[in-house]
């Protein structure tokens, strides 16, 4: 296969709209999608499981970028920025392929909640979340190295949680580790019993909104269906 030289990341096109757009480059020849390499820049087991459900074959390469958790503007901008940094970090290790990265946080009022620092922090988080509704935001960044394009988007879901007793939270932590979960609970697992209702995308709360991701993958000529 003929080697191609790609520009530095600063030359990539960034899209921050919730509906991603493609900026075609007439000088780039389409690659064979069957041979395209897909890299998931996340160690999250939940995201890996969701991506496997699409039937796509992919490689997991963890990003070691430290996420920002200070809200200075819109929460959507924050998660997009974090996801983009993760994608760019992993993209440095490859010359071709499609990099997928995501970042998920919980917003309560004006407070950003990510993964807990320890069990004590997780306990306080669940007590807080059980008292008021929260928004779950996930930012997605996809870098198409073969066609020199970068796409970003986000999804948000409103979650209403039942009031939880201290005993319920302690029993939950005995069976499920909250330390790798934004908001300290897993809506797709045992944590589902805590949820009264949600408004929006369920998969977004898990950590990877598949509908939004599918739209971007279609733009880079990777059709799930």
C-alpha atoms as a PDB file:
ATOM      1  CA  UNK A   1       0.000   0.000   0.000  1.00  0.00           C
ATOM      2  CA  UNK A   2       1.323   3.431  -0.935  1.00  0.00           C
ATOM      3  CA  UNK A   3       2.363   5.469   2.082  1.00  0.00           C
ATOM      4  CA  UNK A   4       0.633   8.804   2.532  1.00  0.00           C
ATOM      5  CA  UNK A   5       1.854  11.802   4.473  1.00  0.00           C
ATOM      6  CA  UNK A   6      -0.687  13.429   6.754  1.00  0.00           C
ATOM      7  CA  UNK A   7      -0.693  17.006   8.054  1.00  0.00           C
ATOM      8  CA  UNK A   8      -0.192  17.920  11.677  1.00  0.00           C
ATOM      9  CA  UNK A   9      -3.270  17.856  13.941  1.00  0.00           C
ATOM     10  CA  UNK A  10      -3.553  21.655  13.772  1.00  0.00           C
ATOM     11  CA  UNK A  11      -4.595  21.333  10.101  1.00  0.00           C
ATOM     12  CA  UNK A  12      -7.556  19.104  10.822  1.00  0.00           C
ATOM     13  CA  UNK A  13     -11.073  20.500  10.548  1.00  0.00           C
ATOM     14  CA  UNK A  14     -12.982  20.610  13.825  1.00  0.00           C
ATOM     15  CA  UNK A  15     -16.774  20.477  14.013  1.00  0.00           C
ATOM     16  CA  UNK A  16     -18.448  21.422  17.313  1.00  0.00           C
ATOM     17  CA  UNK A  17     -22.066  21.190  16.169  1.00  0.00           C
ATOM     18  CA  UNK A  18     -24.345  18.543  17.635  1.00  0.00           C
ATOM     19  CA  UNK A  19     -24.981  17.398  14.051  1.00  0.00           C
ATOM     20  CA  UNK A  20     -21.578  16.609  12.517  1.00  0.00           C
ATOM     21  CA  UNK A  21     -20.758  17.751   8.984  1.00  0.00           C
ATOM     22  CA  UNK A  22     -18.261  16.385   6.507  1.00  0.00           C
ATOM     23  CA  UNK A  23     -15.843  18.693   4.674  1.00  0.00           C
ATOM     24  CA  UNK A  24     -14.798  16.595   1.649  1.00  0.00           C
ATOM     25  CA  UNK A  25     -11.320  16.989   0.241  1.00  0.00           C
ATOM     26  CA  UNK A  26     -11.305  16.307  -3.531  1.00  0.00           C
ATOM     27  CA  UNK A  27      -7.598  15.480  -3.409  1.00  0.00           C
ATOM     28  CA  UNK A  28      -8.146  12.485  -1.117  1.00  0.00           C
ATOM     29  CA  UNK A  29      -8.997   9.112  -2.609  1.00  0.00           C
ATOM     30  CA  UNK A  30     -11.488   6.967  -0.703  1.00  0.00           C
ATOM     31  CA  UNK A  31      -9.915   4.041   1.115  1.00  0.00           C
ATOM     32  CA  UNK A  32     -11.179   0.489   1.235  1.00  0.00           C
ATOM     33  CA  UNK A  33     -13.552   0.542   4.217  1.00  0.00           C
ATOM     34  CA  UNK A  34     -13.198  -3.207   4.740  1.00  0.00           C
ATOM     35  CA  UNK A  35      -9.541  -2.726   5.595  1.00  0.00           C
ATOM     36  CA  UNK A  36      -9.987   0.350   7.738  1.00  0.00           C
ATOM     37  CA  UNK A  37      -8.586   0.167  11.209  1.00  0.00           C
ATOM     38  CA  UNK A  38     -10.848   1.374  14.025  1.00  0.00           C
ATOM     39  CA  UNK A  39      -9.292   2.367  17.341  1.00  0.00           C
ATOM     40  CA  UNK A  40     -11.328   3.042  20.473  1.00  0.00           C
ATOM     41  CA  UNK A  41      -9.432   5.457  22.711  1.00  0.00           C
ATOM     42  CA  UNK A  42     -11.045   4.267  25.930  1.00  0.00           C
ATOM     43  CA  UNK A  43     -10.459   1.626  28.572  1.00  0.00           C
ATOM     44  CA  UNK A  44     -14.129   1.788  29.590  1.00  0.00           C
ATOM     45  CA  UNK A  45     -15.604  -1.707  29.537  1.00  0.00           C
ATOM     46  CA  UNK A  46     -19.064  -0.216  29.026  1.00  0.00           C
ATOM     47  CA  UNK A  47     -17.977   1.672  25.897  1.00  0.00           C
ATOM     48  CA  UNK A  48     -16.172  -1.364  24.552  1.00  0.00           C
ATOM     49  CA  UNK A  49     -19.280  -3.485  25.038  1.00  0.00           C
ATOM     50  CA  UNK A  50     -21.491  -0.941  23.291  1.00  0.00           C
ATOM     51  CA  UNK A  51     -19.146  -0.639  20.322  1.00  0.00           C
ATOM     52  CA  UNK A  52     -18.994  -4.425  20.025  1.00  0.00           C
ATOM     53  CA  UNK A  53     -22.782  -4.462  19.752  1.00  0.00           C
ATOM     54  CA  UNK A  54     -22.482  -2.602  16.447  1.00  0.00           C
ATOM     55  CA  UNK A  55     -20.573  -5.519  14.957  1.00  0.00           C
ATOM     56  CA  UNK A  56     -17.490  -3.418  14.237  1.00  0.00           C
ATOM     57  CA  UNK A  57     -14.034  -4.819  14.827  1.00  0.00           C
ATOM     58  CA  UNK A  58     -11.776  -2.454  16.709  1.00  0.00           C
ATOM     59  CA  UNK A  59      -8.635  -2.156  18.787  1.00  0.00           C
ATOM     60  CA  UNK A  60      -8.552  -0.562  22.241  1.00  0.00           C
ATOM     61  CA  UNK A  61      -5.758   1.938  22.903  1.00  0.00           C
ATOM     62  CA  UNK A  62      -6.111   3.873  26.134  1.00  0.00           C
ATOM     63  CA  UNK A  63      -5.514   7.602  26.263  1.00  0.00           C
ATOM     64  CA  UNK A  64      -3.722   8.944  29.313  1.00  0.00           C
ATOM     65  CA  UNK A  65      -4.933  12.507  28.925  1.00  0.00           C
ATOM     66  CA  UNK A  66      -6.259  14.003  32.157  1.00  0.00           C
ATOM     67  CA  UNK A  67      -9.804  15.279  31.679  1.00  0.00           C
ATOM     68  CA  UNK A  68     -10.816  18.796  32.627  1.00  0.00           C
ATOM     69  CA  UNK A  69     -13.545  18.918  35.244  1.00  0.00           C
ATOM     70  CA  UNK A  70     -13.897  22.666  35.816  1.00  0.00           C
ATOM     71  CA  UNK A  71     -16.947  24.166  34.159  1.00  0.00           C
ATOM     72  CA  UNK A  72     -16.177  27.617  32.752  1.00  0.00           C
ATOM     73  CA  UNK A  73     -18.651  27.600  29.873  1.00  0.00           C
ATOM     74  CA  UNK A  74     -21.037  25.085  28.371  1.00  0.00           C
ATOM     75  CA  UNK A  75     -20.866  21.491  29.567  1.00  0.00           C
ATOM     76  CA  UNK A  76     -21.105  20.340  25.948  1.00  0.00           C
ATOM     77  CA  UNK A  77     -17.909  22.240  25.115  1.00  0.00           C
ATOM     78  CA  UNK A  78     -16.154  20.639  28.079  1.00  0.00           C
ATOM     79  CA  UNK A  79     -16.905  17.028  27.128  1.00  0.00           C
ATOM     80  CA  UNK A  80     -16.123  17.699  23.463  1.00  0.00           C
ATOM     81  CA  UNK A  81     -12.763  19.218  24.410  1.00  0.00           C
ATOM     82  CA  UNK A  82     -11.908  16.235  26.614  1.00  0.00           C
ATOM     83  CA  UNK A  83     -12.936  13.714  23.964  1.00  0.00           C
ATOM     84  CA  UNK A  84     -10.934  15.541  21.310  1.00  0.00           C
ATOM     85  CA  UNK A  85      -7.809  15.568  23.470  1.00  0.00           C
ATOM     86  CA  UNK A  86      -8.134  11.818  24.009  1.00  0.00           C
ATOM     87  CA  UNK A  87      -8.573  11.172  20.299  1.00  0.00           C
ATOM     88  CA  UNK A  88      -5.603  13.345  19.337  1.00  0.00           C
ATOM     89  CA  UNK A  89      -3.425  11.689  21.981  1.00  0.00           C
ATOM     90  CA  UNK A  90      -4.091   8.223  20.570  1.00  0.00           C
ATOM     91  CA  UNK A  91      -3.960   9.434  16.946  1.00  0.00           C
ATOM     92  CA  UNK A  92      -0.269  10.269  17.407  1.00  0.00           C
ATOM     93  CA  UNK A  93       0.455   6.537  17.501  1.00  0.00           C
ATOM     94  CA  UNK A  94      -1.081   5.767  14.097  1.00  0.00           C
ATOM     95  CA  UNK A  95      -0.717   6.859  10.478  1.00  0.00           C
ATOM     96  CA  UNK A  96      -4.063   5.553   9.267  1.00  0.00           C
ATOM     97  CA  UNK A  97      -7.409   4.442  10.598  1.00  0.00           C
ATOM     98  CA  UNK A  98     -10.329   5.933  12.511  1.00  0.00           C
ATOM     99  CA  UNK A  99      -9.937   6.995  16.143  1.00  0.00           C
ATOM    100  CA  UNK A 100     -13.022   7.094  18.390  1.00  0.00           C
ATOM    101  CA  UNK A 101     -12.939   8.832  21.775  1.00  0.00           C
ATOM    102  CA  UNK A 102     -15.573   9.906  24.288  1.00  0.00           C
ATOM    103  CA  UNK A 103     -15.922  11.701  27.597  1.00  0.00           C
ATOM    104  CA  UNK A 104     -18.906  11.498  29.964  1.00  0.00           C
ATOM    105  CA  UNK A 105     -19.797  13.689  32.935  1.00  0.00           C
ATOM    106  CA  UNK A 106     -22.822  14.326  35.120  1.00  0.00           C
ATOM    107  CA  UNK A 107     -24.037  17.882  35.626  1.00  0.00           C
ATOM    108  CA  UNK A 108     -26.004  18.751  38.782  1.00  0.00           C
ATOM    109  CA  UNK A 109     -26.857  22.429  38.837  1.00  0.00           C
ATOM    110  CA  UNK A 110     -23.535  24.007  37.922  1.00  0.00           C
ATOM    111  CA  UNK A 111     -21.450  21.222  39.416  1.00  0.00           C
ATOM    112  CA  UNK A 112     -19.571  18.762  37.209  1.00  0.00           C
ATOM    113  CA  UNK A 113     -19.331  15.199  38.474  1.00  0.00           C
ATOM    114  CA  UNK A 114     -17.000  12.701  36.860  1.00  0.00           C
ATOM    115  CA  UNK A 115     -15.590   9.476  38.249  1.00  0.00           C
ATOM    116  CA  UNK A 116     -15.235   9.417  42.057  1.00  0.00           C
ATOM    117  CA  UNK A 117     -11.822   9.690  43.679  1.00  0.00           C
ATOM    118  CA  UNK A 118     -12.613   7.037  46.278  1.00  0.00           C
ATOM    119  CA  UNK A 119     -15.511   5.205  47.943  1.00  0.00           C
ATOM    120  CA  UNK A 120     -16.212   8.112  50.284  1.00  0.00           C
ATOM    121  CA  UNK A 121     -16.474  10.465  47.324  1.00  0.00           C
ATOM    122  CA  UNK A 122     -18.718   7.970  45.503  1.00  0.00           C
ATOM    123  CA  UNK A 123     -21.028   7.774  48.518  1.00  0.00           C
ATOM    124  CA  UNK A 124     -21.414  11.559  48.639  1.00  0.00           C
ATOM    125  CA  UNK A 125     -22.042  11.630  44.904  1.00  0.00           C
ATOM    126  CA  UNK A 126     -24.901   9.133  45.009  1.00  0.00           C
ATOM    127  CA  UNK A 127     -26.494  10.923  47.957  1.00  0.00           C
ATOM    128  CA  UNK A 128     -26.404  14.145  45.945  1.00  0.00           C
ATOM    129  CA  UNK A 129     -27.734  12.566  42.750  1.00  0.00           C
ATOM    130  CA  UNK A 130     -30.603  10.887  44.573  1.00  0.00           C
ATOM    131  CA  UNK A 131     -31.987  14.254  45.689  1.00  0.00           C
ATOM    132  CA  UNK A 132     -32.320  16.077  42.374  1.00  0.00           C
ATOM    133  CA  UNK A 133     -32.410  15.435  38.603  1.00  0.00           C
ATOM    134  CA  UNK A 134     -29.156  15.549  36.681  1.00  0.00           C
ATOM    135  CA  UNK A 135     -27.931  15.881  33.117  1.00  0.00           C
ATOM    136  CA  UNK A 136     -25.525  13.350  31.648  1.00  0.00           C
ATOM    137  CA  UNK A 137     -23.309  14.733  28.875  1.00  0.00           C
ATOM    138  CA  UNK A 138     -21.102  12.691  26.554  1.00  0.00           C
ATOM    139  CA  UNK A 139     -18.736  14.263  24.055  1.00  0.00           C
ATOM    140  CA  UNK A 140     -17.579  12.271  21.028  1.00  0.00           C
ATOM    141  CA  UNK A 141     -14.532  12.893  18.849  1.00  0.00           C
ATOM    142  CA  UNK A 142     -13.713  10.888  15.722  1.00  0.00           C
ATOM    143  CA  UNK A 143     -10.487  11.397  13.789  1.00  0.00           C
ATOM    144  CA  UNK A 144     -10.346   9.973  10.265  1.00  0.00           C
ATOM    145  CA  UNK A 145      -6.607   9.802   9.616  1.00  0.00           C
ATOM    146  CA  UNK A 146      -7.036   8.464   6.092  1.00  0.00           C
ATOM    147  CA  UNK A 147      -9.045  11.473   4.922  1.00  0.00           C
ATOM    148  CA  UNK A 148      -7.611  14.093   7.286  1.00  0.00           C
ATOM    149  CA  UNK A 149     -10.913  14.937   8.975  1.00  0.00           C
ATOM    150  CA  UNK A 150     -12.011  15.361  12.571  1.00  0.00           C
ATOM    151  CA  UNK A 151     -15.601  15.299  13.781  1.00  0.00           C
ATOM    152  CA  UNK A 152     -17.021  16.204  17.182  1.00  0.00           C
ATOM    153  CA  UNK A 153     -20.504  16.080  18.652  1.00  0.00           C
ATOM    154  CA  UNK A 154     -22.252  15.525  21.964  1.00  0.00           C
ATOM    155  CA  UNK A 155     -25.391  14.097  23.518  1.00  0.00           C
ATOM    156  CA  UNK A 156     -27.220  14.946  26.736  1.00  0.00           C
ATOM    157  CA  UNK A 157     -29.788  12.991  28.745  1.00  0.00           C
ATOM    158  CA  UNK A 158     -31.810  13.987  31.784  1.00  0.00           C
ATOM    159  CA  UNK A 159     -31.836  11.407  34.569  1.00  0.00           C
ATOM    160  CA  UNK A 160     -34.198  11.222  37.523  1.00  0.00           C
ATOM    161  CA  UNK A 161     -32.997   9.014  40.362  1.00  0.00           C
ATOM    162  CA  UNK A 162     -34.975   7.587  43.267  1.00  0.00           C
ATOM    163  CA  UNK A 163     -34.091   8.684  46.787  1.00  0.00           C
ATOM    164  CA  UNK A 164     -31.469   6.312  48.167  1.00  0.00           C
ATOM    165  CA  UNK A 165     -30.834   5.329  51.765  1.00  0.00           C
ATOM    166  CA  UNK A 166     -27.330   4.958  53.170  1.00  0.00           C
ATOM    167  CA  UNK A 167     -27.919   1.209  53.417  1.00  0.00           C
ATOM    168  CA  UNK A 168     -28.871   0.933  49.743  1.00  0.00           C
ATOM    169  CA  UNK A 169     -25.725   2.748  48.677  1.00  0.00           C
ATOM    170  CA  UNK A 170     -23.457   0.638  50.898  1.00  0.00           C
ATOM    171  CA  UNK A 171     -25.052  -2.585  49.627  1.00  0.00           C
ATOM    172  CA  UNK A 172     -24.592  -1.403  46.050  1.00  0.00           C
ATOM    173  CA  UNK A 173     -20.896  -0.689  46.605  1.00  0.00           C
ATOM    174  CA  UNK A 174     -20.427  -4.198  48.002  1.00  0.00           C
ATOM    175  CA  UNK A 175     -21.527  -5.638  44.668  1.00  0.00           C
ATOM    176  CA  UNK A 176     -20.411  -2.988  42.170  1.00  0.00           C
ATOM    177  CA  UNK A 177     -17.287  -0.820  42.073  1.00  0.00           C
ATOM    178  CA  UNK A 178     -18.275   2.822  41.470  1.00  0.00           C
ATOM    179  CA  UNK A 179     -14.725   4.053  40.894  1.00  0.00           C
ATOM    180  CA  UNK A 180     -14.741   3.675  37.102  1.00  0.00           C
ATOM    181  CA  UNK A 181     -18.189   5.188  36.564  1.00  0.00           C
ATOM    182  CA  UNK A 182     -19.179   8.805  35.992  1.00  0.00           C
ATOM    183  CA  UNK A 183     -21.699   9.613  38.683  1.00  0.00           C
ATOM    184  CA  UNK A 184     -20.694   6.468  40.627  1.00  0.00           C
ATOM    185  CA  UNK A 185     -23.425   4.247  39.150  1.00  0.00           C
ATOM    186  CA  UNK A 186     -24.029   2.021  36.123  1.00  0.00           C
ATOM    187  CA  UNK A 187     -27.429   2.471  34.519  1.00  0.00           C
ATOM    188  CA  UNK A 188     -26.912  -0.646  32.401  1.00  0.00           C
ATOM    189  CA  UNK A 189     -26.259  -2.851  35.440  1.00  0.00           C
ATOM    190  CA  UNK A 190     -27.380  -3.058  39.045  1.00  0.00           C
ATOM    191  CA  UNK A 191     -27.531   0.729  39.224  1.00  0.00           C
ATOM    192  CA  UNK A 192     -30.592   0.623  36.964  1.00  0.00           C
ATOM    193  CA  UNK A 193     -32.792  -0.036  40.016  1.00  0.00           C
ATOM    194  CA  UNK A 194     -31.914   3.452  41.262  1.00  0.00           C
ATOM    195  CA  UNK A 195     -33.383   5.166  38.202  1.00  0.00           C
ATOM    196  CA  UNK A 196     -36.908   6.556  38.249  1.00  0.00           C
ATOM    197  CA  UNK A 197     -36.863   7.626  34.601  1.00  0.00           C
ATOM    198  CA  UNK A 198     -34.703   9.190  31.902  1.00  0.00           C
ATOM    199  CA  UNK A 199     -35.398  11.710  29.166  1.00  0.00           C
ATOM    200  CA  UNK A 200     -33.206  11.147  26.144  1.00  0.00           C
ATOM    201  CA  UNK A 201     -30.644   8.609  24.968  1.00  0.00           C
ATOM    202  CA  UNK A 202     -30.082   5.620  27.256  1.00  0.00           C
ATOM    203  CA  UNK A 203     -26.733   4.734  25.657  1.00  0.00           C
ATOM    204  CA  UNK A 204     -25.503   8.241  26.375  1.00  0.00           C
ATOM    205  CA  UNK A 205     -25.832   7.543  30.105  1.00  0.00           C
ATOM    206  CA  UNK A 206     -23.877   4.304  29.619  1.00  0.00           C
ATOM    207  CA  UNK A 207     -21.082   6.324  28.013  1.00  0.00           C
ATOM    208  CA  UNK A 208     -21.389   6.107  24.224  1.00  0.00           C
ATOM    209  CA  UNK A 209     -24.441   7.498  22.372  1.00  0.00           C
ATOM    210  CA  UNK A 210     -24.567   5.073  19.470  1.00  0.00           C
ATOM    211  CA  UNK A 211     -26.970   7.067  17.299  1.00  0.00           C
ATOM    212  CA  UNK A 212     -24.700  10.126  17.279  1.00  0.00           C
ATOM    213  CA  UNK A 213     -21.623   7.969  16.760  1.00  0.00           C
ATOM    214  CA  UNK A 214     -23.325   6.123  13.909  1.00  0.00           C
ATOM    215  CA  UNK A 215     -23.949   9.392  12.061  1.00  0.00           C
ATOM    216  CA  UNK A 216     -20.277  10.297  12.217  1.00  0.00           C
ATOM    217  CA  UNK A 217     -19.135   6.824  11.170  1.00  0.00           C
ATOM    218  CA  UNK A 218     -21.443   7.025   8.171  1.00  0.00           C
ATOM    219  CA  UNK A 219     -19.729  10.267   7.159  1.00  0.00           C
ATOM    220  CA  UNK A 220     -16.362   8.498   7.192  1.00  0.00           C
ATOM    221  CA  UNK A 221     -17.805   5.661   5.071  1.00  0.00           C
ATOM    222  CA  UNK A 222     -18.218   3.163   7.895  1.00  0.00           C
ATOM    223  CA  UNK A 223     -21.824   1.992   7.843  1.00  0.00           C
ATOM    224  CA  UNK A 224     -23.029  -0.058  10.795  1.00  0.00           C
ATOM    225  CA  UNK A 225     -26.022  -1.175   8.727  1.00  0.00           C
END
